[in-house]
Protein backbone atom coordinates (compact mmCIF):
# COMPACT_ATOMS: atom_id res chain seq x y z
CA MET A 1 109.56 75.94 110.95
CA PHE A 2 112.04 77.71 108.68
CA CYS A 3 115.75 77.92 109.34
CA ARG A 4 117.11 81.45 109.08
CA ASN A 5 119.34 81.97 106.08
CA VAL A 6 119.47 85.77 105.81
CA GLY A 7 122.02 87.73 107.84
CA LYS A 8 121.33 90.75 110.05
CA THR A 9 122.68 93.42 107.69
CA GLU A 10 120.85 91.99 104.71
CA ARG A 11 117.64 91.76 106.74
CA ILE A 12 117.85 95.46 107.59
CA ILE A 13 118.44 96.35 103.93
CA ARG A 14 115.53 94.17 102.80
CA VAL A 15 113.14 95.79 105.30
CA ILE A 16 114.17 99.31 104.22
CA VAL A 17 113.87 98.48 100.51
CA GLY A 18 110.49 96.83 101.11
CA LEU A 19 109.15 99.85 102.98
CA VAL A 20 110.38 102.24 100.28
CA LEU A 21 108.73 100.17 97.55
CA LEU A 22 105.48 99.94 99.52
CA ALA A 23 105.53 103.71 99.94
CA LEU A 24 105.20 103.96 96.15
CA VAL A 25 101.71 102.49 96.47
CA PHE A 26 100.48 105.21 98.83
CA VAL A 27 102.59 108.30 98.01
CA GLY A 28 104.50 109.44 94.98
CA PRO A 29 103.50 107.87 91.67
CA GLN A 30 101.00 105.52 93.42
CA THR A 31 101.90 102.63 91.17
CA PRO A 32 100.67 99.10 91.93
CA TRP A 33 104.21 97.83 91.25
CA GLY A 34 105.05 99.01 94.75
CA TRP A 35 103.30 95.93 96.16
CA ILE A 36 106.38 93.96 95.07
CA GLY A 37 107.93 95.53 98.18
CA LEU A 38 106.08 92.96 100.28
CA ILE A 39 108.58 90.31 99.20
CA PRO A 40 111.75 91.92 100.59
CA LEU A 41 109.82 93.20 103.61
CA ILE A 42 108.51 89.76 104.58
CA THR A 43 111.80 87.96 103.89
CA GLY A 44 113.62 90.62 105.91
CA LEU A 45 111.25 90.29 108.86
CA LEU A 46 111.30 86.48 108.82
CA GLY A 47 115.02 86.14 108.11
CA TRP A 48 114.26 83.38 105.62
CA CYS A 49 114.41 83.49 101.83
CA GLY A 50 112.98 80.67 99.73
CA ILE A 51 115.29 81.38 96.81
CA TYR A 52 118.32 81.14 99.10
CA THR A 53 117.02 77.74 100.25
CA LEU A 54 116.70 76.51 96.66
CA LEU A 55 120.22 77.71 95.83
CA GLY A 56 121.74 76.48 99.09
CA LYS A 57 122.95 79.98 99.96
CA ARG A 58 123.18 81.56 103.43
CA SER A 59 124.19 85.06 104.40
CA CYS A 60 123.95 84.51 108.16
CA LYS A 61 126.70 83.10 110.36
CA SER A 62 124.85 80.22 112.01
């Protein structure tokens, strides 16, 4: 499957940012732009980022 390329701290930040953005869909201004929060949420949960793969970047130790 995919090789992890996102570090632990960055994963936590991505999940938090994703949840905050998704909250905009259901509470607050209820804007559909909040669905963009799925991207950082999913990449944070999986620990893999496609853009990092394309750029050859890694933020994890292994």
